[in-house]
PDB file of N, CA and C in Angstrom:
ATOM      1  N   UNK A   1      52.169  92.567 124.349  1.00  0.00           N
ATOM      2  CA  UNK A   1      53.088  92.316 123.263  1.00  0.00           C
ATOM      3  C   UNK A   1      52.279  92.188 121.975  1.00  0.00           C
ATOM      4  N   UNK A   2      52.819  92.754 120.918  1.00  0.00           N
ATOM      5  CA  UNK A   2      52.109  92.741 119.638  1.00  0.00           C
ATOM      6  C   UNK A   2      52.194  91.370 118.988  1.00  0.00           C
ATOM      7  N   UNK A   3      51.139  91.062 118.263  1.00  0.00           N
ATOM      8  CA  UNK A   3      51.113  89.818 117.500  1.00  0.00           C
ATOM      9  C   UNK A   3      51.711  90.081 116.117  1.00  0.00           C
ATOM     10  N   UNK A   4      52.737  89.313 115.666  1.00  0.00           N
ATOM     11  CA  UNK A   4      53.287  89.522 114.320  1.00  0.00           C
ATOM     12  C   UNK A   4      52.298  89.083 113.259  1.00  0.00           C
ATOM     13  N   UNK A   5      52.370  89.773 112.136  1.00  0.00           N
ATOM     14  CA  UNK A   5      51.511  89.385 111.018  1.00  0.00           C
ATOM     15  C   UNK A   5      52.086  88.134 110.381  1.00  0.00           C
ATOM     16  N   UNK A   6      51.245  87.225 110.024  1.00  0.00           N
ATOM     17  CA  UNK A   6      51.702  85.971 109.435  1.00  0.00           C
ATOM     18  C   UNK A   6      52.230  86.205 108.024  1.00  0.00           C
ATOM     19  N   UNK A   7      51.632  87.137 107.276  1.00  0.00           N
ATOM     20  CA  UNK A   7      52.082  87.358 105.900  1.00  0.00           C
ATOM     21  C   UNK A   7      53.452  88.044 105.838  1.00  0.00           C
ATOM     22  N   UNK A   8      53.970  88.566 106.927  1.00  0.00           N
ATOM     23  CA  UNK A   8      55.291  89.176 106.941  1.00  0.00           C
ATOM     24  C   UNK A   8      56.378  88.118 106.792  1.00  0.00           C
ATOM     25  N   UNK A   9      56.070  86.872 107.187  1.00  0.00           N
ATOM     26  CA  UNK A   9      57.063  85.812 107.132  1.00  0.00           C
ATOM     27  C   UNK A   9      56.901  84.877 105.945  1.00  0.00           C
ATOM     28  N   UNK A  10      55.841  85.057 105.185  1.00  0.00           N
ATOM     29  CA  UNK A  10      55.564  84.188 104.046  1.00  0.00           C
ATOM     30  C   UNK A  10      56.058  84.889 102.783  1.00  0.00           C
ATOM     31  N   UNK A  11      56.848  84.202 101.984  1.00  0.00           N
ATOM     32  CA  UNK A  11      57.368  84.791 100.741  1.00  0.00           C
ATOM     33  C   UNK A  11      56.247  84.921  99.728  1.00  0.00           C
ATOM     34  N   UNK A  12      56.177  86.063  99.097  1.00  0.00           N
ATOM     35  CA  UNK A  12      55.159  86.274  98.074  1.00  0.00           C
ATOM     36  C   UNK A  12      55.762  85.933  96.728  1.00  0.00           C
ATOM     37  N   UNK A  13      55.097  85.133  95.957  1.00  0.00           N
ATOM     38  CA  UNK A  13      55.631  84.679  94.672  1.00  0.00           C
ATOM     39  C   UNK A  13      55.594  85.766  93.615  1.00  0.00           C
ATOM     40  N   UNK A  14      54.617  86.626  93.607  1.00  0.00           N
ATOM     41  CA  UNK A  14      54.480  87.635  92.560  1.00  0.00           C
ATOM     42  C   UNK A  14      55.308  88.885  92.823  1.00  0.00           C
ATOM     43  N   UNK A  15      55.783  89.096  94.030  1.00  0.00           N
ATOM     44  CA  UNK A  15      56.489  90.324  94.368  1.00  0.00           C
ATOM     45  C   UNK A  15      57.911  90.368  93.789  1.00  0.00           C
ATOM     46  N   UNK A  16      58.659  89.284  93.852  1.00  0.00           N
ATOM     47  CA  UNK A  16      60.033  89.277  93.355  1.00  0.00           C
ATOM     48  C   UNK A  16      60.120  88.473  92.074  1.00  0.00           C
ATOM     49  N   UNK A  17      61.017  88.938  91.204  1.00  0.00           N
ATOM     50  CA  UNK A  17      61.226  88.251  89.924  1.00  0.00           C
ATOM     51  C   UNK A  17      62.571  87.552  89.995  1.00  0.00           C
ATOM     52  N   UNK A  18      62.599  86.288  89.659  1.00  0.00           N
ATOM     53  CA  UNK A  18      63.865  85.569  89.679  1.00  0.00           C
ATOM     54  C   UNK A  18      64.671  85.936  88.445  1.00  0.00           C
ATOM     55  N   UNK A  19      65.961  86.185  88.639  1.00  0.00           N
ATOM     56  CA  UNK A  19      66.847  86.554  87.537  1.00  0.00           C
ATOM     57  C   UNK A  19      67.460  85.311  86.921  1.00  0.00           C
ATOM     58  N   UNK A  20      67.573  85.331  85.600  1.00  0.00           N
ATOM     59  CA  UNK A  20      68.228  84.219  84.909  1.00  0.00           C
ATOM     60  C   UNK A  20      69.739  84.459  84.849  1.00  0.00           C
ATOM     61  N   UNK A  21      70.117  85.731  84.867  1.00  0.00           N
ATOM     62  CA  UNK A  21      71.517  86.106  84.784  1.00  0.00           C
ATOM     63  C   UNK A  21      71.740  87.290  85.721  1.00  0.00           C
ATOM     64  N   UNK A  22      72.959  87.457  86.195  1.00  0.00           N
ATOM     65  CA  UNK A  22      73.246  88.596  87.060  1.00  0.00           C
ATOM     66  C   UNK A  22      73.223  89.908  86.278  1.00  0.00           C
ATOM     67  N   UNK A  23      73.299  89.837  84.951  1.00  0.00           N
ATOM     68  CA  UNK A  23      73.294  91.042  84.125  1.00  0.00           C
ATOM     69  C   UNK A  23      71.922  91.360  83.546  1.00  0.00           C
ATOM     70  N   UNK A  24      70.930  90.569  83.904  1.00  0.00           N
ATOM     71  CA  UNK A  24      69.591  90.815  83.396  1.00  0.00           C
ATOM     72  C   UNK A  24      69.074  92.137  83.954  1.00  0.00           C
ATOM     73  N   UNK A  25      68.335  92.865  83.154  1.00  0.00           N
ATOM     74  CA  UNK A  25      67.762  94.168  83.497  1.00  0.00           C
ATOM     75  C   UNK A  25      68.818  95.258  83.672  1.00  0.00           C
ATOM     76  N   UNK A  26      70.029  94.999  83.231  1.00  0.00           N
ATOM     77  CA  UNK A  26      71.064  96.037  83.261  1.00  0.00           C
ATOM     78  C   UNK A  26      70.954  96.850  81.978  1.00  0.00           C
ATOM     79  N   UNK A  27      71.368  98.122  82.002  1.00  0.00           N
ATOM     80  CA  UNK A  27      71.314  98.920  80.775  1.00  0.00           C
ATOM     81  C   UNK A  27      72.283  98.384  79.732  1.00  0.00           C
ATOM     82  N   UNK A  28      71.925  98.566  78.471  1.00  0.00           N
ATOM     83  CA  UNK A  28      72.740  98.092  77.362  1.00  0.00           C
ATOM     84  C   UNK A  28      73.875  99.088  77.115  1.00  0.00           C
ATOM     85  N   UNK A  29      75.083  98.573  76.880  1.00  0.00           N
ATOM     86  CA  UNK A  29      76.226  99.430  76.565  1.00  0.00           C
ATOM     87  C   UNK A  29      76.211  99.690  75.066  1.00  0.00           C
ATOM     88  N   UNK A  30      76.159 100.967  74.710  1.00  0.00           N
ATOM     89  CA  UNK A  30      76.112 101.343  73.304  1.00  0.00           C
ATOM     90  C   UNK A  30      77.253 102.283  72.984  1.00  0.00           C
ATOM     91  N   UNK A  31      77.522 102.456  71.696  1.00  0.00           N
ATOM     92  CA  UNK A  31      78.538 103.405  71.270  1.00  0.00           C
ATOM     93  C   UNK A  31      78.089 104.808  71.642  1.00  0.00           C
ATOM     94  N   UNK A  32      79.017 105.650  72.085  1.00  0.00           N
ATOM     95  CA  UNK A  32      78.620 107.015  72.405  1.00  0.00           C
ATOM     96  C   UNK A  32      78.272 107.787  71.130  1.00  0.00           C
ATOM     97  N   UNK A  33      77.376 108.704  71.270  1.00  0.00           N
ATOM     98  CA  UNK A  33      76.978 109.525  70.130  1.00  0.00           C
ATOM     99  C   UNK A  33      78.045 110.593  69.940  1.00  0.00           C
ATOM    100  N   UNK A  34      78.643 110.620  68.746  1.00  0.00           N
ATOM    101  CA  UNK A  34      79.694 111.596  68.475  1.00  0.00           C
ATOM    102  C   UNK A  34      79.067 112.916  68.093  1.00  0.00           C
ATOM    103  N   UNK A  35      79.633 114.013  68.605  1.00  0.00           N
ATOM    104  CA  UNK A  35      79.092 115.316  68.245  1.00  0.00           C
ATOM    105  C   UNK A  35      79.391 115.636  66.784  1.00  0.00           C
ATOM    106  N   UNK A  36      78.679 116.581  66.251  1.00  0.00           N
ATOM    107  CA  UNK A  36      78.889 116.948  64.846  1.00  0.00           C
ATOM    108  C   UNK A  36      80.281 117.524  64.668  1.00  0.00           C
ATOM    109  N   UNK A  37      80.754 117.537  63.440  1.00  0.00           N
ATOM    110  CA  UNK A  37      82.113 117.973  63.132  1.00  0.00           C
ATOM    111  C   UNK A  37      82.313 119.469  63.355  1.00  0.00           C
ATOM    112  N   UNK A  38      81.259 120.244  63.283  1.00  0.00           N
ATOM    113  CA  UNK A  38      81.402 121.685  63.488  1.00  0.00           C
ATOM    114  C   UNK A  38      81.427 121.973  64.979  1.00  0.00           C
ATOM    115  N   UNK A  39      82.498 122.597  65.475  1.00  0.00           N
ATOM    116  CA  UNK A  39      82.587 122.848  66.911  1.00  0.00           C
ATOM    117  C   UNK A  39      81.630 123.961  67.319  1.00  0.00           C
ATOM    118  N   UNK A  40      80.922 123.732  68.410  1.00  0.00           N
ATOM    119  CA  UNK A  40      79.989 124.745  68.880  1.00  0.00           C
ATOM    120  C   UNK A  40      80.684 125.728  69.817  1.00  0.00           C
ATOM    121  N   UNK A  41      81.755 125.302  70.465  1.00  0.00           N
ATOM    122  CA  UNK A  41      82.502 126.182  71.363  1.00  0.00           C
ATOM    123  C   UNK A  41      83.950 126.233  70.891  1.00  0.00           C
ATOM    124  N   UNK A  42      84.651 127.327  71.164  1.00  0.00           N
ATOM    125  CA  UNK A  42      86.062 127.393  70.746  1.00  0.00           C
ATOM    126  C   UNK A  42      86.888 126.338  71.473  1.00  0.00           C
ATOM    127  N   UNK A  43      87.797 125.717  70.735  1.00  0.00           N
ATOM    128  CA  UNK A  43      88.654 124.683  71.303  1.00  0.00           C
ATOM    129  C   UNK A  43      89.711 125.334  72.199  1.00  0.00           C
ATOM    130  N   UNK A  44      90.091 124.658  73.308  1.00  0.00           N
ATOM    131  CA  UNK A  44      91.129 125.241  74.174  1.00  0.00           C
ATOM    132  C   UNK A  44      92.477 125.253  73.460  1.00  0.00           C
ATOM    133  N   UNK A  45      93.212 126.309  73.685  1.00  0.00           N
ATOM    134  CA  UNK A  45      94.526 126.465  73.073  1.00  0.00           C
ATOM    135  C   UNK A  45      95.543 125.782  73.978  1.00  0.00           C
ATOM    136  N   UNK A  46      96.398 124.888  73.431  1.00  0.00           N
ATOM    137  CA  UNK A  46      97.402 124.235  74.276  1.00  0.00           C
ATOM    138  C   UNK A  46      98.412 125.263  74.784  1.00  0.00           C
ATOM    139  N   UNK A  47      98.963 125.026  75.983  1.00  0.00           N
ATOM    140  CA  UNK A  47      99.938 125.978  76.515  1.00  0.00           C
ATOM    141  C   UNK A  47     101.205 125.965  75.672  1.00  0.00           C
ATOM    142  N   UNK A  48     101.916 127.077  75.632  1.00  0.00           N
ATOM    143  CA  UNK A  48     103.150 127.112  74.846  1.00  0.00           C
ATOM    144  C   UNK A  48     104.198 126.173  75.441  1.00  0.00           C
ATOM    145  N   UNK A  49     105.027 125.621  74.586  1.00  0.00           N
ATOM    146  CA  UNK A  49     106.075 124.695  75.018  1.00  0.00           C
ATOM    147  C   UNK A  49     107.206 125.509  75.635  1.00  0.00           C
ATOM    148  N   UNK A  50     107.588 125.203  76.899  1.00  0.00           N
ATOM    149  CA  UNK A  50     108.682 125.955  77.515  1.00  0.00           C
ATOM    150  C   UNK A  50     110.008 125.618  76.847  1.00  0.00           C
ATOM    151  N   UNK A  51     110.885 126.561  76.873  1.00  0.00           N
ATOM    152  CA  UNK A  51     112.190 126.331  76.237  1.00  0.00           C
ATOM    153  C   UNK A  51     113.051 125.445  77.130  1.00  0.00           C
ATOM    154  N   UNK A  52     113.946 124.644  76.525  1.00  0.00           N
ATOM    155  CA  UNK A  52     114.794 123.755  77.329  1.00  0.00           C
ATOM    156  C   UNK A  52     115.747 124.543  78.212  1.00  0.00           C
ATOM    157  N   UNK A  53     116.091 123.978  79.348  1.00  0.00           N
ATOM    158  CA  UNK A  53     116.987 124.647  80.281  1.00  0.00           C
ATOM    159  C   UNK A  53     118.419 124.618  79.772  1.00  0.00           C
ATOM    160  N   UNK A  54     118.816 123.515  79.136  1.00  0.00           N
ATOM    161  CA  UNK A  54     120.220 123.330  78.747  1.00  0.00           C
ATOM    162  C   UNK A  54     120.629 124.104  77.506  1.00  0.00           C
ATOM    163  N   UNK A  55     119.705 124.599  76.738  1.00  0.00           N
ATOM    164  CA  UNK A  55     120.081 125.323  75.529  1.00  0.00           C
ATOM    165  C   UNK A  55     120.419 124.363  74.413  1.00  0.00           C
ATOM    166  N   UNK A  56     121.518 124.605  73.713  1.00  0.00           N
ATOM    167  CA  UNK A  56     121.875 123.802  72.542  1.00  0.00           C
ATOM    168  C   UNK A  56     123.045 122.870  72.805  1.00  0.00           C
ATOM    169  N   UNK A  57     123.135 122.308  74.003  1.00  0.00           N
ATOM    170  CA  UNK A  57     124.214 121.374  74.332  1.00  0.00           C
ATOM    171  C   UNK A  57     123.926 120.060  73.613  1.00  0.00           C
ATOM    172  N   UNK A  58     124.905 119.526  72.856  1.00  0.00           N
ATOM    173  CA  UNK A  58     124.658 118.254  72.157  1.00  0.00           C
ATOM    174  C   UNK A  58     124.470 117.125  73.166  1.00  0.00           C
ATOM    175  N   UNK A  59     123.614 116.190  72.805  1.00  0.00           N
ATOM    176  CA  UNK A  59     123.344 115.057  73.675  1.00  0.00           C
ATOM    177  C   UNK A  59     124.423 113.996  73.521  1.00  0.00           C
ATOM    178  N   UNK A  60     124.782 113.356  74.624  1.00  0.00           N
ATOM    179  CA  UNK A  60     125.815 112.322  74.640  1.00  0.00           C
ATOM    180  C   UNK A  60     125.109 110.991  74.886  1.00  0.00           C
ATOM    181  N   UNK A  61     125.415 109.957  74.082  1.00  0.00           N
ATOM    182  CA  UNK A  61     124.756 108.662  74.300  1.00  0.00           C
ATOM    183  C   UNK A  61     125.109 108.091  75.668  1.00  0.00           C
ATOM    184  N   UNK A  62     124.155 107.359  76.243  1.00  0.00           N
ATOM    185  CA  UNK A  62     124.367 106.759  77.553  1.00  0.00           C
ATOM    186  C   UNK A  62     125.354 105.612  77.463  1.00  0.00           C
ATOM    187  N   UNK A  63     126.153 105.466  78.507  1.00  0.00           N
ATOM    188  CA  UNK A  63     127.070 104.337  78.604  1.00  0.00           C
ATOM    189  C   UNK A  63     126.601 103.451  79.748  1.00  0.00           C
ATOM    190  N   UNK A  64     126.875 102.174  79.628  1.00  0.00           N
ATOM    191  CA  UNK A  64     126.467 101.225  80.669  1.00  0.00           C
ATOM    192  C   UNK A  64     127.499 101.250  81.786  1.00  0.00           C
ATOM    193  N   UNK A  65     127.089 101.741  82.941  1.00  0.00           N
ATOM    194  CA  UNK A  65     127.939 101.741  84.125  1.00  0.00           C
ATOM    195  C   UNK A  65     127.104 101.218  85.278  1.00  0.00           C
ATOM    196  N   UNK A  66     127.703 100.442  86.157  1.00  0.00           N
ATOM    197  CA  UNK A  66     126.983  99.934  87.321  1.00  0.00           C
ATOM    198  C   UNK A  66     126.642 101.086  88.262  1.00  0.00           C
ATOM    199  N   UNK A  67     125.452 101.080  88.785  1.00  0.00           N
ATOM    200  CA  UNK A  67     125.021 102.121  89.709  1.00  0.00           C
ATOM    201  C   UNK A  67     124.984 101.537  91.105  1.00  0.00           C
ATOM    202  N   UNK A  68     125.698 102.176  92.001  1.00  0.00           N
ATOM    203  CA  UNK A  68     125.681 101.771  93.410  1.00  0.00           C
ATOM    204  C   UNK A  68     124.523 102.514  94.069  1.00  0.00           C
ATOM    205  N   UNK A  69     123.617 101.779  94.649  1.00  0.00           N
ATOM    206  CA  UNK A  69     122.382 102.358  95.172  1.00  0.00           C
ATOM    207  C   UNK A  69     122.573 102.981  96.551  1.00  0.00           C
ATOM    208  N   UNK A  70     121.951 104.113  96.752  1.00  0.00           N
ATOM    209  CA  UNK A  70     121.740 104.778  98.044  1.00  0.00           C
ATOM    210  C   UNK A  70     123.000 104.996  98.877  1.00  0.00           C
ATOM    211  N   UNK A  71     123.821 105.932  98.470  1.00  0.00           N
ATOM    212  CA  UNK A  71     124.966 106.328  99.263  1.00  0.00           C
ATOM    213  C   UNK A  71     124.550 107.437 100.228  1.00  0.00           C
ATOM    214  N   UNK A  72     125.020 107.404 101.467  1.00  0.00           N
ATOM    215  CA  UNK A  72     124.594 108.395 102.462  1.00  0.00           C
ATOM    216  C   UNK A  72     125.395 109.691 102.397  1.00  0.00           C
ATOM    217  N   UNK A  73     125.387 110.359 101.249  1.00  0.00           N
ATOM    218  CA  UNK A  73     126.080 111.631 101.136  1.00  0.00           C
ATOM    219  C   UNK A  73     125.149 112.755 101.550  1.00  0.00           C
ATOM    220  N   UNK A  74     125.709 113.752 102.202  1.00  0.00           N
ATOM    221  CA  UNK A  74     124.915 114.906 102.606  1.00  0.00           C
ATOM    222  C   UNK A  74     125.179 116.052 101.634  1.00  0.00           C
ATOM    223  N   UNK A  75     124.120 116.767 101.301  1.00  0.00           N
ATOM    224  CA  UNK A  75     124.266 117.969 100.482  1.00  0.00           C
ATOM    225  C   UNK A  75     123.537 119.097 101.198  1.00  0.00           C
ATOM    226  N   UNK A  76     123.884 120.318 100.840  1.00  0.00           N
ATOM    227  CA  UNK A  76     123.242 121.477 101.450  1.00  0.00           C
ATOM    228  C   UNK A  76     121.831 121.649 100.902  1.00  0.00           C
ATOM    229  N   UNK A  77     120.979 122.237 101.703  1.00  0.00           N
ATOM    230  CA  UNK A  77     119.580 122.421 101.335  1.00  0.00           C
ATOM    231  C   UNK A  77     119.438 123.264 100.061  1.00  0.00           C
ATOM    232  N   UNK A  78     120.243 124.319  99.937  1.00  0.00           N
ATOM    233  CA  UNK A  78     120.144 125.161  98.730  1.00  0.00           C
ATOM    234  C   UNK A  78     120.578 124.393  97.480  1.00  0.00           C
ATOM    235  N   UNK A  79     121.563 123.479  97.615  1.00  0.00           N
ATOM    236  CA  UNK A  79     121.963 122.651  96.475  1.00  0.00           C
ATOM    237  C   UNK A  79     120.820 121.736  96.062  1.00  0.00           C
ATOM    238  N   UNK A  80     120.168 121.149  97.038  1.00  0.00           N
ATOM    239  CA  UNK A  80     119.042 120.255  96.754  1.00  0.00           C
ATOM    240  C   UNK A  80     117.908 121.014  96.078  1.00  0.00           C
ATOM    241  N   UNK A  81     117.573 122.198  96.580  1.00  0.00           N
ATOM    242  CA  UNK A  81     116.472 122.972  96.009  1.00  0.00           C
ATOM    243  C   UNK A  81     116.770 123.365  94.561  1.00  0.00           C
ATOM    244  N   UNK A  82     118.031 123.742  94.271  1.00  0.00           N
ATOM    245  CA  UNK A  82     118.387 124.108  92.895  1.00  0.00           C
ATOM    246  C   UNK A  82     118.325 122.903  91.971  1.00  0.00           C
ATOM    247  N   UNK A  83     118.816 121.749  92.433  1.00  0.00           N
ATOM    248  CA  UNK A  83     118.739 120.524  91.630  1.00  0.00           C
ATOM    249  C   UNK A  83     117.284 120.138  91.369  1.00  0.00           C
ATOM    250  N   UNK A  84     116.448 120.233  92.390  1.00  0.00           N
ATOM    251  CA  UNK A  84     115.038 119.881  92.246  1.00  0.00           C
ATOM    252  C   UNK A  84     114.342 120.808  91.250  1.00  0.00           C
ATOM    253  N   UNK A  85     114.663 122.084  91.299  1.00  0.00           N
ATOM    254  CA  UNK A  85     114.040 123.048  90.380  1.00  0.00           C
ATOM    255  C   UNK A  85     114.428 122.738  88.933  1.00  0.00           C
ATOM    256  N   UNK A  86     115.689 122.424  88.697  1.00  0.00           N
ATOM    257  CA  UNK A  86     116.144 122.080  87.339  1.00  0.00           C
ATOM    258  C   UNK A  86     115.488 120.782  86.889  1.00  0.00           C
ATOM    259  N   UNK A  87     115.447 119.780  87.765  1.00  0.00           N
ATOM    260  CA  UNK A  87     114.852 118.491  87.407  1.00  0.00           C
ATOM    261  C   UNK A  87     113.364 118.640  87.098  1.00  0.00           C
ATOM    262  N   UNK A  88     112.649 119.443  87.882  1.00  0.00           N
ATOM    263  CA  UNK A  88     111.222 119.665  87.620  1.00  0.00           C
ATOM    264  C   UNK A  88     111.008 120.346  86.281  1.00  0.00           C
ATOM    265  N   UNK A  89     111.869 121.286  85.922  1.00  0.00           N
ATOM    266  CA  UNK A  89     111.754 121.977  84.642  1.00  0.00           C
ATOM    267  C   UNK A  89     112.021 121.028  83.489  1.00  0.00           C
ATOM    268  N   UNK A  90     113.013 120.152  83.635  1.00  0.00           N
ATOM    269  CA  UNK A  90     113.388 119.247  82.545  1.00  0.00           C
ATOM    270  C   UNK A  90     112.536 117.986  82.486  1.00  0.00           C
ATOM    271  N   UNK A  91     111.694 117.732  83.494  1.00  0.00           N
ATOM    272  CA  UNK A  91     110.889 116.518  83.542  1.00  0.00           C
ATOM    273  C   UNK A  91     109.935 116.409  82.350  1.00  0.00           C
ATOM    274  N   UNK A  92     109.509 117.538  81.797  1.00  0.00           N
ATOM    275  CA  UNK A  92     108.542 117.534  80.711  1.00  0.00           C
ATOM    276  C   UNK A  92     109.176 117.199  79.354  1.00  0.00           C
ATOM    277  N   UNK A  93     110.481 117.045  79.304  1.00  0.00           N
ATOM    278  CA  UNK A  93     111.167 116.757  78.051  1.00  0.00           C
ATOM    279  C   UNK A  93     111.594 115.296  78.006  1.00  0.00           C
ATOM    280  N   UNK A  94     111.668 114.760  76.818  1.00  0.00           N
ATOM    281  CA  UNK A  94     112.050 113.367  76.642  1.00  0.00           C
ATOM    282  C   UNK A  94     113.481 113.140  77.113  1.00  0.00           C
ATOM    283  N   UNK A  95     114.373 114.063  76.790  1.00  0.00           N
ATOM    284  CA  UNK A  95     115.777 113.892  77.150  1.00  0.00           C
ATOM    285  C   UNK A  95     116.155 114.697  78.396  1.00  0.00           C
ATOM    286  N   UNK A  96     115.168 115.026  79.235  1.00  0.00           N
ATOM    287  CA  UNK A  96     115.445 115.759  80.465  1.00  0.00           C
ATOM    288  C   UNK A  96     116.192 114.888  81.465  1.00  0.00           C
ATOM    289  N   UNK A  97     116.969 115.538  82.293  1.00  0.00           N
ATOM    290  CA  UNK A  97     117.766 114.810  83.289  1.00  0.00           C
ATOM    291  C   UNK A  97     117.079 114.822  84.643  1.00  0.00           C
ATOM    292  N   UNK A  98     117.281 113.764  85.385  1.00  0.00           N
ATOM    293  CA  UNK A  98     116.807 113.703  86.764  1.00  0.00           C
ATOM    294  C   UNK A  98     117.905 114.172  87.704  1.00  0.00           C
ATOM    295  N   UNK A  99     117.566 114.311  88.969  1.00  0.00           N
ATOM    296  CA  UNK A  99     118.545 114.794  89.943  1.00  0.00           C
ATOM    297  C   UNK A  99     119.730 113.844  90.063  1.00  0.00           C
ATOM    298  N   UNK A 100     119.468 112.547  90.039  1.00  0.00           N
ATOM    299  CA  UNK A 100     120.572 111.579  90.167  1.00  0.00           C
ATOM    300  C   UNK A 100     121.549 111.708  89.008  1.00  0.00           C
ATOM    301  N   UNK A 101     121.017 111.865  87.803  1.00  0.00           N
ATOM    302  CA  UNK A 101     121.887 111.996  86.642  1.00  0.00           C
ATOM    303  C   UNK A 101     122.733 113.266  86.738  1.00  0.00           C
ATOM    304  N   UNK A 102     122.133 114.360  87.205  1.00  0.00           N
ATOM    305  CA  UNK A 102     122.896 115.605  87.347  1.00  0.00           C
ATOM    306  C   UNK A 102     124.024 115.450  88.364  1.00  0.00           C
ATOM    307  N   UNK A 103     123.750 114.758  89.467  1.00  0.00           N
ATOM    308  CA  UNK A 103     124.775 114.558  90.498  1.00  0.00           C
ATOM    309  C   UNK A 103     125.888 113.662  89.970  1.00  0.00           C
ATOM    310  N   UNK A 104     125.523 112.611  89.219  1.00  0.00           N
ATOM    311  CA  UNK A 104     126.561 111.727  88.647  1.00  0.00           C
ATOM    312  C   UNK A 104     127.451 112.490  87.668  1.00  0.00           C
ATOM    313  N   UNK A 105     126.847 113.356  86.840  1.00  0.00           N
ATOM    314  CA  UNK A 105     127.643 114.159  85.899  1.00  0.00           C
ATOM    315  C   UNK A 105     128.586 115.093  86.643  1.00  0.00           C
ATOM    316  N   UNK A 106     128.102 115.705  87.730  1.00  0.00           N
ATOM    317  CA  UNK A 106     128.939 116.613  88.515  1.00  0.00           C
ATOM    318  C   UNK A 106     130.105 115.856  89.155  1.00  0.00           C
ATOM    319  N   UNK A 107     129.834 114.638  89.652  1.00  0.00           N
ATOM    320  CA  UNK A 107     130.917 113.829  90.238  1.00  0.00           C
ATOM    321  C   UNK A 107     131.942 113.434  89.182  1.00  0.00           C
ATOM    322  N   UNK A 108     131.474 113.063  87.986  1.00  0.00           N
ATOM    323  CA  UNK A 108     132.408 112.737  86.905  1.00  0.00           C
ATOM    324  C   UNK A 108     133.305 113.921  86.582  1.00  0.00           C
ATOM    325  N   UNK A 109     132.717 115.104  86.470  1.00  0.00           N
ATOM    326  CA  UNK A 109     133.513 116.305  86.165  1.00  0.00           C
ATOM    327  C   UNK A 109     134.509 116.601  87.276  1.00  0.00           C
ATOM    328  N   UNK A 110     134.082 116.455  88.521  1.00  0.00           N
ATOM    329  CA  UNK A 110     134.975 116.704  89.648  1.00  0.00           C
ATOM    330  C   UNK A 110     136.142 115.717  89.649  1.00  0.00           C
ATOM    331  N   UNK A 111     135.832 114.435  89.407  1.00  0.00           N
ATOM    332  CA  UNK A 111     136.890 113.423  89.413  1.00  0.00           C
ATOM    333  C   UNK A 111     137.854 113.618  88.256  1.00  0.00           C
ATOM    334  N   UNK A 112     137.381 114.081  87.099  1.00  0.00           N
ATOM    335  CA  UNK A 112     138.283 114.364  85.971  1.00  0.00           C
ATOM    336  C   UNK A 112     139.250 115.487  86.325  1.00  0.00           C
ATOM    337  N   UNK A 113     138.734 116.521  86.983  1.00  0.00           N
ATOM    338  CA  UNK A 113     139.582 117.673  87.341  1.00  0.00           C
ATOM    339  C   UNK A 113     140.598 117.337  88.430  1.00  0.00           C
ATOM    340  N   UNK A 114     140.232 116.452  89.339  1.00  0.00           N
ATOM    341  CA  UNK A 114     141.089 116.179  90.502  1.00  0.00           C
ATOM    342  C   UNK A 114     141.798 114.833  90.455  1.00  0.00           C
ATOM    343  N   UNK A 115     141.763 114.160  89.340  1.00  0.00           N
ATOM    344  CA  UNK A 115     142.486 112.895  89.257  1.00  0.00           C
ATOM    345  C   UNK A 115     143.971 113.196  89.016  1.00  0.00           C
ATOM    346  N   UNK A 116     144.852 112.324  89.509  1.00  0.00           N
ATOM    347  CA  UNK A 116     146.285 112.558  89.316  1.00  0.00           C
ATOM    348  C   UNK A 116     146.651 112.504  87.828  1.00  0.00           C
ATOM    349  N   UNK A 117     147.477 113.419  87.415  1.00  0.00           N
ATOM    350  CA  UNK A 117     147.919 113.469  86.022  1.00  0.00           C
ATOM    351  C   UNK A 117     148.963 112.387  85.787  1.00  0.00           C
ATOM    352  N   UNK A 118     148.802 111.658  84.715  1.00  0.00           N
ATOM    353  CA  UNK A 118     149.762 110.579  84.435  1.00  0.00           C
ATOM    354  C   UNK A 118     150.685 110.960  83.318  1.00  0.00           C
TER     355      UNK A 118
END
């Protein structure tokens, strides 16, 4: 069996430096160097803004109505895909509609058409 070296178990005072702070010897955070005002490479051109899906339909202010959460209505897959495509297109606009809003508008229109005439 090998004999262990005695100096392997004795702490050396000169080998390690005691830290006064946990941030000691860390790099200094400085302001980043700003590049010169003259661009060296051409700037990327922003993509063109897509046209709105709805066209020139005037916007109607929102009304406060209670929303009943999560009704188990079934819709056809093609209806869902078309709603999702419209919602994805309008998502990039401030006044774009989500799928829920489109379905609520469709239900309102249906109920107006099929309500009993007074």
